[in-house]
Amino acid sequence: MPKFLPKHQHDVRDAEAEAAEPHRLGGPEVLQDRGLLAEWYVLYRLQEEVERSRRAGHLLSIAIFSPMLLDGEDIPWEKVFAGTSAAKSTARSTDFVGWIDGPNIIAVLPDVDEIGASAAIRRWQNEMWLKSTSVGGMKWRASSVSDIAQFETAHDAVQAAIDILSQAV
């Protein structure tokens, strides 16, 4: 059993029950309605992947996509949904995609190095460019962090990626 406990103290067995009742989940329920994994579950699964990566010496990366919003601007959920669709359609079968820290989209990329994470971001950006008419030209930022096993917890790895995002213009 991993040392990490999700901040909501849920058990993995609750995932199916909560997926059936997205209104019970903390955070933007509307993202679960669009097929994204809940934040607590993404962090739980990411921590499992971190521990697997350490044990087996496998690579592990994450990529985070964030809409660029002006201060005080409402989140344009329809545009976020297009980003969600792009992230899911470009993910490999071994990746998992969810939401984290508000409207940010996270892709967990097992067995992927820094170059592979950059390639995943480019695939997502290309898909977003193809969908640009449906998203009204919304700008997105993206960052990735590789060698996740170096971090103590999944939270630390995600925070590192968010810190990189905050520096992106």
Foldseek 3Di string as FASTA:
>chain_A
DFPDAFPVNDDPVCQVVCLVVLVPAPADSVQSVLPAGGASVVQVVVQVLLVVCVVVVAKKKKKKKFWDDDVPDDDPVQLLSQLVVLLVVLDDPPWHWHDDDHSMIMIIDTRDAPVRRVVSVVSSVVSCVVCCVRNVNTDMFMFMDIPSNVDPGSVVRVVVRVVVRVPDD
